[in-house]
PDB file of all heavy atoms in Angstrom:
ATOM      1  N   PRO A   1      -7.983  10.618  -6.062  1.00  0.00           N
ATOM      2  CA  PRO A   1      -7.078  10.247  -7.142  1.00  0.00           C
ATOM      3  C   PRO A   1      -5.771   9.612  -6.672  1.00  0.00           C
ATOM      4  O   PRO A   1      -5.098  10.129  -5.785  1.00  0.00           O
ATOM      5  CB  PRO A   1      -6.826  11.576  -7.861  1.00  0.00           C
ATOM      6  CG  PRO A   1      -8.080  12.341  -7.640  1.00  0.00           C
ATOM      7  CD  PRO A   1      -8.513  11.988  -6.240  1.00  0.00           C
ATOM      8  N   ASN A   2      -5.473   8.454  -7.261  1.00  0.00           N
ATOM      9  CA  ASN A   2      -4.231   7.709  -7.052  1.00  0.00           C
ATOM     10  C   ASN A   2      -4.070   7.112  -5.654  1.00  0.00           C
ATOM     11  O   ASN A   2      -2.984   6.662  -5.300  1.00  0.00           O
ATOM     12  CB  ASN A   2      -3.005   8.562  -7.399  1.00  0.00           C
ATOM     13  CG  ASN A   2      -2.929   8.874  -8.882  1.00  0.00           C
ATOM     14  OD1 ASN A   2      -3.346   8.074  -9.717  1.00  0.00           O
ATOM     15  ND2 ASN A   2      -2.415  10.036  -9.215  1.00  0.00           N
ATOM     16  N   THR A   3      -5.134   7.110  -4.860  1.00  0.00           N
ATOM     17  CA  THR A   3      -5.103   6.332  -3.624  1.00  0.00           C
ATOM     18  C   THR A   3      -5.289   4.859  -3.986  1.00  0.00           C
ATOM     19  O   THR A   3      -5.726   4.532  -5.094  1.00  0.00           O
ATOM     20  CB  THR A   3      -6.226   6.761  -2.668  1.00  0.00           C
ATOM     21  OG1 THR A   3      -7.488   6.518  -3.305  1.00  0.00           O
ATOM     22  CG2 THR A   3      -6.092   8.220  -2.283  1.00  0.00           C
ATOM     23  N   PRO A   4      -4.962   3.938  -3.072  1.00  0.00           N
ATOM     24  CA  PRO A   4      -5.167   2.525  -3.381  1.00  0.00           C
ATOM     25  C   PRO A   4      -6.592   2.185  -3.813  1.00  0.00           C
ATOM     26  O   PRO A   4      -6.795   1.374  -4.723  1.00  0.00           O
ATOM     27  CB  PRO A   4      -4.793   1.831  -2.071  1.00  0.00           C
ATOM     28  CG  PRO A   4      -3.773   2.732  -1.458  1.00  0.00           C
ATOM     29  CD  PRO A   4      -4.244   4.110  -1.794  1.00  0.00           C
ATOM     30  N   LEU A   5      -7.594   2.799  -3.172  1.00  0.00           N
ATOM     31  CA  LEU A   5      -8.975   2.534  -3.575  1.00  0.00           C
ATOM     32  C   LEU A   5      -9.226   2.987  -5.010  1.00  0.00           C
ATOM     33  O   LEU A   5      -9.929   2.313  -5.780  1.00  0.00           O
ATOM     34  CB  LEU A   5      -9.944   3.231  -2.628  1.00  0.00           C
ATOM     35  CG  LEU A   5     -10.152   2.576  -1.261  1.00  0.00           C
ATOM     36  CD1 LEU A   5     -10.981   3.479  -0.355  1.00  0.00           C
ATOM     37  CD2 LEU A   5     -10.818   1.212  -1.401  1.00  0.00           C
ATOM     38  N   ASP A   6      -8.657   4.108  -5.400  1.00  0.00           N
ATOM     39  CA  ASP A   6      -8.808   4.611  -6.762  1.00  0.00           C
ATOM     40  C   ASP A   6      -8.092   3.712  -7.764  1.00  0.00           C
ATOM     41  O   ASP A   6      -8.614   3.439  -8.854  1.00  0.00           O
ATOM     42  CB  ASP A   6      -8.260   6.038  -6.845  1.00  0.00           C
ATOM     43  CG  ASP A   6      -8.343   6.610  -8.252  1.00  0.00           C
ATOM     44  OD1 ASP A   6      -9.466   6.790  -8.755  1.00  0.00           O
ATOM     45  OD2 ASP A   6      -7.280   6.867  -8.851  1.00  0.00           O
ATOM     46  N   LEU A   7      -6.899   3.237  -7.407  1.00  0.00           N
ATOM     47  CA  LEU A   7      -6.153   2.351  -8.302  1.00  0.00           C
ATOM     48  C   LEU A   7      -6.905   1.050  -8.529  1.00  0.00           C
ATOM     49  O   LEU A   7      -6.965   0.532  -9.656  1.00  0.00           O
ATOM     50  CB  LEU A   7      -4.763   2.066  -7.723  1.00  0.00           C
ATOM     51  CG  LEU A   7      -3.812   3.258  -7.602  1.00  0.00           C
ATOM     52  CD1 LEU A   7      -2.508   2.822  -6.947  1.00  0.00           C
ATOM     53  CD2 LEU A   7      -3.544   3.886  -8.962  1.00  0.00           C
ATOM     54  N   ALA A   8      -7.501   0.513  -7.463  1.00  0.00           N
ATOM     55  CA  ALA A   8      -8.279  -0.717  -7.598  1.00  0.00           C
ATOM     56  C   ALA A   8      -9.497  -0.496  -8.486  1.00  0.00           C
ATOM     57  O   ALA A   8      -9.808  -1.325  -9.357  1.00  0.00           O
ATOM     58  CB  ALA A   8      -8.704  -1.219  -6.224  1.00  0.00           C
ATOM     59  N   ALA A   9     -10.180   0.632  -8.285  1.00  0.00           N
ATOM     60  CA  ALA A   9     -11.358   0.930  -9.089  1.00  0.00           C
ATOM     61  C   ALA A   9     -10.999   1.087 -10.565  1.00  0.00           C
ATOM     62  O   ALA A   9     -11.744   0.644 -11.454  1.00  0.00           O
ATOM     63  CB  ALA A   9     -12.038   2.193  -8.569  1.00  0.00           C
ATOM     64  N   ALA A  10      -9.857   1.706 -10.835  1.00  0.00           N
ATOM     65  CA  ALA A  10      -9.426   1.892 -12.225  1.00  0.00           C
ATOM     66  C   ALA A  10      -9.114   0.560 -12.885  1.00  0.00           C
ATOM     67  O   ALA A  10      -9.432   0.356 -14.065  1.00  0.00           O
ATOM     68  CB  ALA A  10      -8.207   2.809 -12.261  1.00  0.00           C
ATOM     69  N   ALA A  11      -8.486  -0.352 -12.134  1.00  0.00           N
ATOM     70  CA  ALA A  11      -8.211  -1.689 -12.685  1.00  0.00           C
ATOM     71  C   ALA A  11      -9.515  -2.430 -12.974  1.00  0.00           C
ATOM     72  O   ALA A  11      -9.669  -3.068 -14.024  1.00  0.00           O
ATOM     73  CB  ALA A  11      -7.341  -2.486 -11.717  1.00  0.00           C
ATOM     74  N   HIS A  12     -10.457  -2.342 -12.064  1.00  0.00           N
ATOM     75  CA  HIS A  12     -11.754  -2.989 -12.277  1.00  0.00           C
ATOM     76  C   HIS A  12     -12.478  -2.394 -13.482  1.00  0.00           C
ATOM     77  O   HIS A  12     -13.150  -3.115 -14.229  1.00  0.00           O
ATOM     78  CB  HIS A  12     -12.612  -2.862 -11.020  1.00  0.00           C
ATOM     79  CG  HIS A  12     -12.155  -3.730  -9.895  1.00  0.00           C
ATOM     80  ND1 HIS A  12     -12.341  -3.404  -8.568  1.00  0.00           N
ATOM     81  CD2 HIS A  12     -11.505  -4.928  -9.893  1.00  0.00           C
ATOM     82  CE1 HIS A  12     -11.844  -4.357  -7.804  1.00  0.00           C
ATOM     83  NE2 HIS A  12     -11.321  -5.282  -8.579  1.00  0.00           N
ATOM     84  N   ALA A  13     -12.343  -1.082 -13.679  1.00  0.00           N
ATOM     85  CA  ALA A  13     -12.976  -0.439 -14.837  1.00  0.00           C
ATOM     86  C   ALA A  13     -12.380  -0.940 -16.154  1.00  0.00           C
ATOM     87  O   ALA A  13     -13.052  -0.915 -17.192  1.00  0.00           O
ATOM     88  CB  ALA A  13     -12.825   1.081 -14.735  1.00  0.00           C
ATOM     89  N   LEU A  14     -11.143  -1.400 -16.100  1.00  0.00           N
ATOM     90  CA  LEU A  14     -10.502  -1.983 -17.280  1.00  0.00           C
ATOM     91  C   LEU A  14     -10.839  -3.464 -17.448  1.00  0.00           C
ATOM     92  O   LEU A  14     -10.358  -4.122 -18.376  1.00  0.00           O
ATOM     93  CB  LEU A  14      -8.979  -1.817 -17.178  1.00  0.00           C
ATOM     94  CG  LEU A  14      -8.438  -0.388 -17.307  1.00  0.00           C
ATOM     95  CD1 LEU A  14      -6.966  -0.333 -16.915  1.00  0.00           C
ATOM     96  CD2 LEU A  14      -8.645   0.141 -18.726  1.00  0.00           C
ATOM     97  N   GLY A  15     -11.646  -3.993 -16.514  1.00  0.00           N
ATOM     98  CA  GLY A  15     -12.025  -5.403 -16.578  1.00  0.00           C
ATOM     99  C   GLY A  15     -10.981  -6.336 -15.997  1.00  0.00           C
ATOM    100  O   GLY A  15     -10.969  -7.531 -16.323  1.00  0.00           O
ATOM    101  N   LYS A  16     -10.122  -5.824 -15.119  1.00  0.00           N
ATOM    102  CA  LYS A  16      -9.034  -6.618 -14.544  1.00  0.00           C
ATOM    103  C   LYS A  16      -9.260  -6.836 -13.052  1.00  0.00           C
ATOM    104  O   LYS A  16      -9.862  -6.000 -12.370  1.00  0.00           O
ATOM    105  CB  LYS A  16      -7.686  -5.908 -14.746  1.00  0.00           C
ATOM    106  CG  LYS A  16      -7.428  -5.482 -16.183  1.00  0.00           C
ATOM    107  CD  LYS A  16      -7.464  -6.653 -17.142  1.00  0.00           C
ATOM    108  CE  LYS A  16      -7.399  -6.198 -18.594  1.00  0.00           C
ATOM    109  NZ  LYS A  16      -7.512  -7.346 -19.528  1.00  0.00           N
ATOM    110  N   ILE A  17      -8.746  -7.941 -12.537  1.00  0.00           N
ATOM    111  CA  ILE A  17      -8.763  -8.145 -11.091  1.00  0.00           C
ATOM    112  C   ILE A  17      -7.694  -7.261 -10.456  1.00  0.00           C
ATOM    113  O   ILE A  17      -6.748  -6.803 -11.119  1.00  0.00           O
ATOM    114  CB  ILE A  17      -8.560  -9.625 -10.703  1.00  0.00           C
ATOM    115  CG1 ILE A  17      -7.125 -10.088 -11.033  1.00  0.00           C
ATOM    116  CG2 ILE A  17      -9.574 -10.524 -11.376  1.00  0.00           C
ATOM    117  CD1 ILE A  17      -6.315 -10.474  -9.843  1.00  0.00           C
ATOM    118  N   TRP A  18      -7.846  -7.015  -9.156  1.00  0.00           N
ATOM    119  CA  TRP A  18      -6.871  -6.185  -8.432  1.00  0.00           C
ATOM    120  C   TRP A  18      -6.296  -6.989  -7.273  1.00  0.00           C
ATOM    121  O   TRP A  18      -7.032  -7.648  -6.528  1.00  0.00           O
ATOM    122  CB  TRP A  18      -7.511  -4.915  -7.900  1.00  0.00           C
ATOM    123  CG  TRP A  18      -6.552  -4.009  -7.173  1.00  0.00           C
ATOM    124  CD1 TRP A  18      -6.445  -3.809  -5.831  1.00  0.00           C
ATOM    125  CD2 TRP A  18      -5.534  -3.192  -7.775  1.00  0.00           C
ATOM    126  NE1 TRP A  18      -5.448  -2.917  -5.548  1.00  0.00           N
ATOM    127  CE2 TRP A  18      -4.860  -2.523  -6.727  1.00  0.00           C
ATOM    128  CE3 TRP A  18      -5.130  -2.965  -9.093  1.00  0.00           C
ATOM    129  CZ2 TRP A  18      -3.813  -1.639  -6.959  1.00  0.00           C
ATOM    130  CZ3 TRP A  18      -4.078  -2.079  -9.321  1.00  0.00           C
ATOM    131  CH2 TRP A  18      -3.431  -1.434  -8.271  1.00  0.00           C
ATOM    132  N   MET A  19      -4.985  -6.942  -7.118  1.00  0.00           N
ATOM    133  CA  MET A  19      -4.293  -7.576  -5.999  1.00  0.00           C
ATOM    134  C   MET A  19      -3.794  -6.467  -5.077  1.00  0.00           C
ATOM    135  O   MET A  19      -2.880  -5.719  -5.422  1.00  0.00           O
ATOM    136  CB  MET A  19      -3.133  -8.445  -6.492  1.00  0.00           C
ATOM    137  CG  MET A  19      -2.356  -9.124  -5.371  1.00  0.00           C
ATOM    138  SD  MET A  19      -1.203 -10.402  -5.953  1.00  0.00           S
ATOM    139  CE  MET A  19       0.033  -9.403  -6.824  1.00  0.00           C
ATOM    140  N   GLN A  20      -4.410  -6.352  -3.904  1.00  0.00           N
ATOM    141  CA  GLN A  20      -4.056  -5.295  -2.964  1.00  0.00           C
ATOM    142  C   GLN A  20      -2.881  -5.705  -2.091  1.00  0.00           C
ATOM    143  O   GLN A  20      -2.840  -6.815  -1.552  1.00  0.00           O
ATOM    144  CB  GLN A  20      -5.264  -4.961  -2.079  1.00  0.00           C
ATOM    145  CG  GLN A  20      -4.968  -3.971  -0.964  1.00  0.00           C
ATOM    146  CD  GLN A  20      -4.473  -2.635  -1.476  1.00  0.00           C
ATOM    147  OE1 GLN A  20      -4.891  -2.160  -2.531  1.00  0.00           O
ATOM    148  NE2 GLN A  20      -3.568  -1.999  -0.735  1.00  0.00           N
ATOM    149  N   SER A  21      -1.927  -4.799  -1.919  1.00  0.00           N
ATOM    150  CA  SER A  21      -0.792  -5.035  -1.025  1.00  0.00           C
ATOM    151  C   SER A  21      -1.213  -4.826   0.423  1.00  0.00           C
ATOM    152  O   SER A  21      -1.811  -3.798   0.759  1.00  0.00           O
ATOM    153  CB  SER A  21       0.364  -4.083  -1.355  1.00  0.00           C
ATOM    154  OG  SER A  21       0.869  -4.318  -2.646  1.00  0.00           O
ATOM    155  N   VAL A  22      -0.921  -5.792   1.261  1.00  0.00           N
ATOM    156  CA  VAL A  22      -1.158  -5.693   2.700  1.00  0.00           C
ATOM    157  C   VAL A  22       0.203  -5.719   3.385  1.00  0.00           C
ATOM    158  O   VAL A  22       1.003  -6.625   3.147  1.00  0.00           O
ATOM    159  CB  VAL A  22      -2.044  -6.850   3.200  1.00  0.00           C
ATOM    160  CG1 VAL A  22      -2.112  -6.863   4.722  1.00  0.00           C
ATOM    161  CG2 VAL A  22      -3.455  -6.725   2.612  1.00  0.00           C
ATOM    162  N   SER A  23       0.481  -4.709   4.210  1.00  0.00           N
ATOM    163  CA  SER A  23       1.829  -4.566   4.756  1.00  0.00           C
ATOM    164  C   SER A  23       1.786  -4.080   6.193  1.00  0.00           C
ATOM    165  O   SER A  23       0.816  -3.461   6.629  1.00  0.00           O
ATOM    166  CB  SER A  23       2.632  -3.578   3.908  1.00  0.00           C
ATOM    167  OG  SER A  23       1.977  -2.313   3.846  1.00  0.00           O
ATOM    168  N   PHE A  24       2.877  -4.353   6.907  1.00  0.00           N
ATOM    169  CA  PHE A  24       2.983  -3.916   8.300  1.00  0.00           C
ATOM    170  C   PHE A  24       3.835  -2.666   8.417  1.00  0.00           C
ATOM    171  O   PHE A  24       3.371  -1.614   8.836  1.00  0.00           O
ATOM    172  CB  PHE A  24       3.549  -5.050   9.154  1.00  0.00           C
ATOM    173  CG  PHE A  24       3.834  -4.674  10.586  1.00  0.00           C
ATOM    174  CD1 PHE A  24       2.889  -4.012  11.339  1.00  0.00           C
ATOM    175  CD2 PHE A  24       5.046  -4.982  11.178  1.00  0.00           C
ATOM    176  CE1 PHE A  24       3.134  -3.650  12.665  1.00  0.00           C
ATOM    177  CE2 PHE A  24       5.310  -4.642  12.492  1.00  0.00           C
ATOM    178  CZ  PHE A  24       4.358  -3.975  13.243  1.00  0.00           C
ATOM    179  N   GLN A  25       5.105  -2.763   8.045  1.00  0.00           N
ATOM    180  CA  GLN A  25       6.011  -1.623   8.202  1.00  0.00           C
ATOM    181  C   GLN A  25       7.135  -1.728   7.184  1.00  0.00           C
ATOM    182  O   GLN A  25       7.243  -2.707   6.442  1.00  0.00           O
ATOM    183  CB  GLN A  25       6.594  -1.581   9.616  1.00  0.00           C
ATOM    184  CG  GLN A  25       7.489  -2.755   9.962  1.00  0.00           C
ATOM    185  CD  GLN A  25       8.051  -2.685  11.381  1.00  0.00           C
ATOM    186  OE1 GLN A  25       7.957  -1.684  12.072  1.00  0.00           O
ATOM    187  NE2 GLN A  25       8.642  -3.788  11.826  1.00  0.00           N
ATOM    188  N   ASP A  26       7.984  -0.710   7.128  1.00  0.00           N
ATOM    189  CA  ASP A  26       9.146  -0.694   6.240  1.00  0.00           C
ATOM    190  C   ASP A  26      10.248   0.085   6.948  1.00  0.00           C
ATOM    191  O   ASP A  26      10.142   1.297   7.128  1.00  0.00           O
ATOM    192  CB  ASP A  26       8.784  -0.037   4.911  1.00  0.00           C
ATOM    193  CG  ASP A  26       9.840  -0.246   3.833  1.00  0.00           C
ATOM    194  OD1 ASP A  26      11.041  -0.236   4.160  1.00  0.00           O
ATOM    195  OD2 ASP A  26       9.466  -0.422   2.656  1.00  0.00           O
ATOM    196  N   VAL A  27      11.286  -0.639   7.370  1.00  0.00           N
ATOM    197  CA  VAL A  27      12.416  -0.041   8.093  1.00  0.00           C
ATOM    198  C   VAL A  27      13.684  -0.620   7.494  1.00  0.00           C
ATOM    199  O   VAL A  27      13.910  -1.829   7.570  1.00  0.00           O
ATOM    200  CB  VAL A  27      12.349  -0.351   9.606  1.00  0.00           C
ATOM    201  CG1 VAL A  27      13.515   0.318  10.327  1.00  0.00           C
ATOM    202  CG2 VAL A  27      11.026   0.119  10.191  1.00  0.00           C
ATOM    203  N   ARG A  28      14.514   0.226   6.903  1.00  0.00           N
ATOM    204  CA  ARG A  28      15.674  -0.254   6.140  1.00  0.00           C
ATOM    205  C   ARG A  28      16.979   0.345   6.652  1.00  0.00           C
ATOM    206  O   ARG A  28      17.446   1.374   6.150  1.00  0.00           O
ATOM    207  CB  ARG A  28      15.515   0.099   4.663  1.00  0.00           C
ATOM    208  CG  ARG A  28      14.174  -0.305   4.070  1.00  0.00           C
ATOM    209  CD  ARG A  28      14.116  -0.019   2.589  1.00  0.00           C
ATOM    210  NE  ARG A  28      12.779  -0.238   2.064  1.00  0.00           N
ATOM    211  CZ  ARG A  28      12.473  -0.253   0.773  1.00  0.00           C
ATOM    212  NH1 ARG A  28      13.414  -0.037  -0.126  1.00  0.00           N
ATOM    213  NH2 ARG A  28      11.225  -0.459   0.384  1.00  0.00           N
ATOM    214  N   PRO A  29      17.612  -0.272   7.626  1.00  0.00           N
ATOM    215  CA  PRO A  29      18.903   0.241   8.094  1.00  0.00           C
ATOM    216  C   PRO A  29      19.960   0.275   6.996  1.00  0.00           C
ATOM    217  O   PRO A  29      20.819   1.162   6.988  1.00  0.00           O
ATOM    218  CB  PRO A  29      19.286  -0.748   9.202  1.00  0.00           C
ATOM    219  CG  PRO A  29      17.986  -1.332   9.650  1.00  0.00           C
ATOM    220  CD  PRO A  29      17.137  -1.413   8.434  1.00  0.00           C
ATOM    221  N   ASN A  30      19.885  -0.684   6.059  1.00  0.00           N
ATOM    222  CA  ASN A  30      20.909  -0.715   5.001  1.00  0.00           C
ATOM    223  C   ASN A  30      20.764   0.436   4.019  1.00  0.00           C
ATOM    224  O   ASN A  30      21.668   0.709   3.227  1.00  0.00           O
ATOM    225  CB  ASN A  30      20.880  -2.050   4.266  1.00  0.00           C
ATOM    226  CG  ASN A  30      19.559  -2.317   3.569  1.00  0.00           C
ATOM    227  OD1 ASN A  30      18.570  -1.630   3.804  1.00  0.00           O
ATOM    228  ND2 ASN A  30      19.538  -3.336   2.726  1.00  0.00           N
ATOM    229  N   GLN A  31      19.614   1.111   4.025  1.00  0.00           N
ATOM    230  CA  GLN A  31      19.414   2.290   3.184  1.00  0.00           C
ATOM    231  C   GLN A  31      19.198   3.557   4.016  1.00  0.00           C
ATOM    232  O   GLN A  31      19.019   4.640   3.465  1.00  0.00           O
ATOM    233  CB  GLN A  31      18.212   2.089   2.260  1.00  0.00           C
ATOM    234  CG  GLN A  31      18.384   0.939   1.281  1.00  0.00           C
ATOM    235  CD  GLN A  31      17.150   0.738   0.421  1.00  0.00           C
ATOM    236  OE1 GLN A  31      16.514   1.696  -0.018  1.00  0.00           O
ATOM    237  NE2 GLN A  31      16.798  -0.512   0.165  1.00  0.00           N
ATOM    238  N   ALA A  32      19.172   3.404   5.345  1.00  0.00           N
ATOM    239  CA  ALA A  32      19.003   4.522   6.282  1.00  0.00           C
ATOM    240  C   ALA A  32      17.699   5.278   6.045  1.00  0.00           C
ATOM    241  O   ALA A  32      17.640   6.507   6.148  1.00  0.00           O
ATOM    242  CB  ALA A  32      20.195   5.473   6.215  1.00  0.00           C
ATOM    243  N   ILE A  33      16.606   4.519   5.728  1.00  0.00           N
ATOM    244  CA  ILE A  33      15.293   5.133   5.553  1.00  0.00           C
ATOM    245  C   ILE A  33      14.238   4.282   6.256  1.00  0.00           C
ATOM    246  O   ILE A  33      14.446   3.093   6.503  1.00  0.00           O
ATOM    247  CB  ILE A  33      14.908   5.297   4.066  1.00  0.00           C
ATOM    248  CG1 ILE A  33      14.965   3.940   3.349  1.00  0.00           C
ATOM    249  CG2 ILE A  33      15.771   6.335   3.382  1.00  0.00           C
ATOM    250  CD1 ILE A  33      14.484   3.992   1.925  1.00  0.00           C
ATOM    251  N   TYR A  34      13.116   4.919   6.580  1.00  0.00           N
ATOM    252  CA  TYR A  34      12.008   4.172   7.167  1.00  0.00           C
ATOM    253  C   TYR A  34      10.696   4.884   6.886  1.00  0.00           C
ATOM    254  O   TYR A  34      10.671   6.079   6.582  1.00  0.00           O
ATOM    255  CB  TYR A  34      12.200   3.995   8.682  1.00  0.00           C
ATOM    256  CG  TYR A  34      11.955   5.231   9.514  1.00  0.00           C
ATOM    257  CD1 TYR A  34      10.763   5.416  10.217  1.00  0.00           C
ATOM    258  CD2 TYR A  34      12.919   6.235   9.612  1.00  0.00           C
ATOM    259  CE1 TYR A  34      10.544   6.556  10.980  1.00  0.00           C
ATOM    260  CE2 TYR A  34      12.705   7.370  10.367  1.00  0.00           C
ATOM    261  CZ  TYR A  34      11.517   7.530  11.048  1.00  0.00           C
ATOM    262  OH  TYR A  34      11.290   8.665  11.798  1.00  0.00           O
ATOM    263  N   ASP A  35       9.615   4.130   6.961  1.00  0.00           N
ATOM    264  CA  ASP A  35       8.262   4.685   6.902  1.00  0.00           C
ATOM    265  C   ASP A  35       7.696   4.696   8.317  1.00  0.00           C
ATOM    266  O   ASP A  35       8.029   3.826   9.125  1.00  0.00           O
ATOM    267  CB  ASP A  35       7.359   3.810   6.035  1.00  0.00           C
ATOM    268  CG  ASP A  35       7.576   3.997   4.551  1.00  0.00           C
ATOM    269  OD1 ASP A  35       8.736   4.006   4.096  1.00  0.00           O
ATOM    270  OD2 ASP A  35       6.577   4.113   3.838  1.00  0.00           O
ATOM    271  N   GLU A  36       6.813   5.654   8.597  1.00  0.00           N
ATOM    272  CA  GLU A  36       6.113   5.664   9.882  1.00  0.00           C
ATOM    273  C   GLU A  36       4.817   4.866   9.719  1.00  0.00           C
ATOM    274  O   GLU A  36       3.853   5.336   9.111  1.00  0.00           O
ATOM    275  CB  GLU A  36       5.807   7.090  10.322  1.00  0.00           C
ATOM    276  CG  GLU A  36       5.031   7.170  11.627  1.00  0.00           C
ATOM    277  CD  GLU A  36       5.673   6.373  12.747  1.00  0.00           C
ATOM    278  OE1 GLU A  36       6.722   6.816  13.270  1.00  0.00           O
ATOM    279  OE2 GLU A  36       5.126   5.300  13.093  1.00  0.00           O
ATOM    280  N   ALA A  37       4.812   3.652  10.273  1.00  0.00           N
ATOM    281  CA  ALA A  37       3.656   2.764  10.140  1.00  0.00           C
ATOM    282  C   ALA A  37       2.552   3.078  11.145  1.00  0.00           C
ATOM    283  O   ALA A  37       1.451   2.527  11.040  1.00  0.00           O
ATOM    284  CB  ALA A  37       4.093   1.311  10.302  1.00  0.00           C
ATOM    285  N   GLU A  38       2.847   3.919  12.132  1.00  0.00           N
ATOM    286  CA  GLU A  38       1.891   4.265  13.193  1.00  0.00           C
ATOM    287  C   GLU A  38       1.383   3.000  13.903  1.00  0.00           C
ATOM    288  O   GLU A  38       0.184   2.726  13.944  1.00  0.00           O
ATOM    289  CB  GLU A  38       0.728   5.089  12.640  1.00  0.00           C
ATOM    290  CG  GLU A  38       1.157   6.440  12.082  1.00  0.00           C
ATOM    291  CD  GLU A  38      -0.002   7.305  11.621  1.00  0.00           C
ATOM    292  OE1 GLU A  38      -1.165   6.848  11.698  1.00  0.00           O
ATOM    293  OE2 GLU A  38       0.254   8.445  11.181  1.00  0.00           O
ATOM    294  N   ASN A  39       2.334   2.265  14.452  1.00  0.00           N
ATOM    295  CA  ASN A  39       2.020   1.004  15.140  1.00  0.00           C
ATOM    296  C   ASN A  39       1.340   0.058  14.145  1.00  0.00           C
ATOM    297  O   ASN A  39       1.934  -0.204  13.103  1.00  0.00           O
ATOM    298  CB  ASN A  39       1.205   1.266  16.395  1.00  0.00           C
ATOM    299  CG  ASN A  39       1.934   2.169  17.384  1.00  0.00           C
ATOM    300  OD1 ASN A  39       1.853   3.391  17.299  1.00  0.00           O
ATOM    301  ND2 ASN A  39       2.666   1.567  18.324  1.00  0.00           N
ATOM    302  N   THR A  40       0.137  -0.408  14.410  1.00  0.00           N
ATOM    303  CA  THR A  40      -0.521  -1.324  13.464  1.00  0.00           C
ATOM    304  C   THR A  40      -1.479  -0.607  12.512  1.00  0.00           C
ATOM    305  O   THR A  40      -2.218  -1.265  11.773  1.00  0.00           O
ATOM    306  CB  THR A  40      -1.315  -2.428  14.205  1.00  0.00           C
ATOM    307  OG1 THR A  40      -2.460  -1.832  14.858  1.00  0.00           O
ATOM    308  CG2 THR A  40      -0.454  -3.156  15.204  1.00  0.00           C
ATOM    309  N   GLN A  41      -1.457   0.726  12.498  1.00  0.00           N
ATOM    310  CA  GLN A  41      -2.433   1.453  11.671  1.00  0.00           C
ATOM    311  C   GLN A  41      -2.267   1.137  10.191  1.00  0.00           C
ATOM    312  O   GLN A  41      -3.251   0.960   9.464  1.00  0.00           O
ATOM    313  CB  GLN A  41      -2.301   2.954  11.899  1.00  0.00           C
ATOM    314  CG  GLN A  41      -3.394   3.781  11.225  1.00  0.00           C
ATOM    315  CD  GLN A  41      -4.764   3.544  11.840  1.00  0.00           C
ATOM    316  OE1 GLN A  41      -4.945   3.748  13.030  1.00  0.00           O
ATOM    317  NE2 GLN A  41      -5.725   3.092  11.037  1.00  0.00           N
ATOM    318  N   ASN A  42      -1.016   1.077   9.711  1.00  0.00           N
ATOM    319  CA  ASN A  42      -0.812   0.774   8.301  1.00  0.00           C
ATOM    320  C   ASN A  42      -1.329  -0.614   7.953  1.00  0.00           C
ATOM    321  O   ASN A  42      -1.956  -0.811   6.909  1.00  0.00           O
ATOM    322  CB  ASN A  42       0.673   0.881   7.942  1.00  0.00           C
ATOM    323  CG  ASN A  42       0.910   0.604   6.470  1.00  0.00           C
ATOM    324  OD1 ASN A  42       0.533   1.390   5.603  1.00  0.00           O
ATOM    325  ND2 ASN A  42       1.511  -0.539   6.173  1.00  0.00           N
ATOM    326  N   LEU A  43      -1.081  -1.571   8.824  1.00  0.00           N
ATOM    327  CA  LEU A  43      -1.562  -2.930   8.580  1.00  0.00           C
ATOM    328  C   LEU A  43      -3.081  -2.955   8.522  1.00  0.00           C
ATOM    329  O   LEU A  43      -3.680  -3.574   7.634  1.00  0.00           O
ATOM    330  CB  LEU A  43      -1.049  -3.859   9.685  1.00  0.00           C
ATOM    331  CG  LEU A  43      -1.484  -5.322   9.615  1.00  0.00           C
ATOM    332  CD1 LEU A  43      -1.054  -5.969   8.304  1.00  0.00           C
ATOM    333  CD2 LEU A  43      -0.912  -6.105  10.803  1.00  0.00           C
ATOM    334  N   ARG A  44      -3.727  -2.264   9.455  1.00  0.00           N
ATOM    335  CA  ARG A  44      -5.188  -2.265   9.479  1.00  0.00           C
ATOM    336  C   ARG A  44      -5.761  -1.509   8.278  1.00  0.00           C
ATOM    337  O   ARG A  44      -6.770  -1.915   7.700  1.00  0.00           O
ATOM    338  CB  ARG A  44      -5.682  -1.660  10.794  1.00  0.00           C
ATOM    339  CG  ARG A  44      -5.408  -2.580  11.980  1.00  0.00           C
ATOM    340  CD  ARG A  44      -5.927  -2.023  13.291  1.00  0.00           C
ATOM    341  NE  ARG A  44      -5.073  -0.979  13.834  1.00  0.00           N
ATOM    342  CZ  ARG A  44      -5.460   0.250  14.104  1.00  0.00           C
ATOM    343  NH1 ARG A  44      -6.716   0.618  13.863  1.00  0.00           N
ATOM    344  NH2 ARG A  44      -4.629   1.135  14.625  1.00  0.00           N
TER     345      ARG A  44
END
């Protein structure tokens, strides 16, 4: 539930196309927050 695969499936069940986000990392010094991308794991 609510994983990207589930969200895509729910959109398809509504008869809609799905646009998946592909991303590398998120590091924001101006907000002093970051995500752990685990090297290229998030991208893959």
